[in-house]
Amino acid sequence: MPENKRDMPDDEKVHEAYQELGRKGGEATSEKYGPEFYREIGQKGGETRKEELGHEGYQELGQKGGEAVKEKYGPEFYSEIGEKGGEARKEQMARGEITRDEDEDL
């Protein structure tokens, strides 16, 4: 990385300038509208995406994600996280946080 901005290529300077503008705009929007604004627009975006993809689209995304995880971590990864999840559920039941019936409903 160059020591000062004069040594940076022009496209990097432009990219950095746009990043700074976006950051400042995001901060101003956050101060003006607050966190509820982001919850609302996130929810609207999620609903729109759900309408676009439908059930089958989400299934396909899940399959692609699962394949990517399997390629990255190997199939043994699923056994490991399954065991950890099972242990966590046992601990929740032992502490009375959930009942066996609630666990079976999931």
Protein backbone atom coordinates (compact mmCIF):
# COMPACT_ATOMS: atom_id res chain seq x y z
CA MET A 1 0.00 0.00 0.00
CA PRO A 2 1.39 3.43 -0.88
CA GLU A 3 2.53 5.61 2.00
CA ASN A 4 0.43 8.59 0.90
CA LYS A 5 -2.54 9.17 -1.38
CA ARG A 6 -0.44 10.87 -4.07
CA ASP A 7 1.21 7.52 -4.75
CA MET A 8 -2.12 5.69 -5.11
CA PRO A 9 -3.53 4.83 -8.56
CA ASP A 10 -6.49 7.02 -9.55
CA ASP A 11 -9.02 4.19 -9.43
CA GLU A 12 -8.05 3.44 -5.81
CA LYS A 13 -8.45 7.12 -4.91
CA VAL A 14 -11.92 7.16 -6.47
CA HIS A 15 -12.89 3.93 -4.69
CA GLU A 16 -11.67 5.30 -1.35
CA ALA A 17 -13.56 8.57 -1.90
CA TYR A 18 -16.80 6.72 -2.60
CA GLN A 19 -16.31 4.57 0.48
CA GLU A 20 -15.91 7.71 2.60
CA LEU A 21 -19.02 9.29 1.06
CA GLY A 22 -21.03 6.14 1.72
CA ARG A 23 -19.84 5.97 5.32
CA LYS A 24 -20.75 9.61 5.95
CA GLY A 25 -24.13 9.18 4.29
CA GLY A 26 -24.84 6.09 6.36
CA GLU A 27 -23.93 7.90 9.58
CA ALA A 28 -26.17 10.87 8.68
CA THR A 29 -29.08 8.56 7.84
CA SER A 30 -28.58 6.66 11.08
CA GLU A 31 -28.61 9.85 13.13
CA LYS A 32 -31.67 11.20 11.32
CA TYR A 33 -33.87 8.08 11.31
CA GLY A 34 -32.51 5.77 14.02
CA PRO A 35 -32.32 1.97 14.20
CA GLU A 36 -36.05 1.42 13.58
CA PHE A 37 -35.60 2.77 10.04
CA TYR A 38 -33.06 0.05 9.27
CA ARG A 39 -35.31 -2.65 10.74
CA GLU A 40 -38.20 -1.48 8.55
CA ILE A 41 -36.24 -1.30 5.31
CA GLY A 42 -34.58 -4.65 6.08
CA GLN A 43 -37.96 -6.24 6.64
CA LYS A 44 -39.35 -4.76 3.40
CA GLY A 45 -36.32 -6.00 1.50
CA GLY A 46 -36.68 -9.45 3.01
CA GLU A 47 -40.35 -9.62 2.07
CA THR A 48 -39.58 -8.54 -1.50
CA ARG A 49 -36.82 -11.14 -1.78
CA LYS A 50 -39.18 -13.81 -0.44
CA GLU A 51 -41.73 -12.93 -3.13
CA GLU A 52 -39.02 -13.03 -5.81
CA LEU A 53 -37.51 -16.37 -4.80
CA GLY A 54 -40.43 -18.29 -3.40
CA HIS A 55 -40.06 -21.54 -1.48
CA GLU A 56 -38.14 -23.30 -4.25
CA GLY A 57 -35.68 -20.43 -4.55
CA TYR A 58 -34.83 -20.63 -0.87
CA GLN A 59 -34.44 -24.40 -1.12
CA GLU A 60 -31.97 -23.93 -3.96
CA LEU A 61 -30.02 -21.30 -2.02
CA GLY A 62 -29.86 -23.63 0.98
CA GLN A 63 -28.58 -26.49 -1.14
CA LYS A 64 -25.90 -24.31 -2.73
CA GLY A 65 -24.85 -23.04 0.70
CA GLY A 66 -24.71 -26.55 2.09
CA GLU A 67 -22.53 -27.71 -0.81
CA ALA A 68 -20.18 -24.75 -0.32
CA VAL A 69 -19.84 -25.55 3.39
CA LYS A 70 -19.24 -29.23 2.63
CA GLU A 71 -16.51 -28.33 0.11
CA LYS A 72 -14.86 -25.93 2.54
CA TYR A 73 -15.06 -27.98 5.77
CA GLY A 74 -15.71 -31.54 4.62
CA PRO A 75 -18.65 -33.83 5.41
CA GLU A 76 -17.35 -34.55 8.93
CA PHE A 77 -18.19 -30.94 9.81
CA TYR A 78 -21.90 -31.76 9.82
CA SER A 79 -21.37 -34.57 12.33
CA GLU A 80 -19.39 -32.24 14.58
CA ILE A 81 -21.96 -29.45 14.56
CA GLY A 82 -24.78 -31.99 15.00
CA GLU A 83 -23.11 -33.33 18.13
CA LYS A 84 -22.56 -29.80 19.48
CA GLY A 85 -26.19 -28.93 18.81
CA GLY A 86 -27.39 -32.08 20.54
CA GLU A 87 -25.25 -31.34 23.58
CA ALA A 88 -26.55 -27.77 23.73
CA ARG A 89 -30.16 -29.01 23.65
CA LYS A 90 -29.44 -31.50 26.46
CA GLU A 91 -27.98 -28.69 28.57
CA GLN A 92 -31.03 -26.48 27.90
CA MET A 93 -33.33 -29.31 28.99
CA ALA A 94 -31.23 -29.94 32.12
CA ARG A 95 -31.54 -26.25 33.05
CA GLY A 96 -35.31 -26.36 32.43
CA GLU A 97 -35.12 -23.86 29.58
CA ILE A 98 -36.95 -26.23 27.22
CA THR A 99 -38.95 -29.43 27.62
CA ARG A 100 -38.67 -32.60 25.56
CA ASP A 101 -42.02 -31.75 23.90
CA GLU A 102 -40.73 -28.32 22.85
CA ASP A 103 -37.54 -29.90 21.52
CA GLU A 104 -39.52 -32.41 19.43
CA ASP A 105 -41.65 -29.61 17.95
CA LEU A 106 -38.54 -28.06 16.41
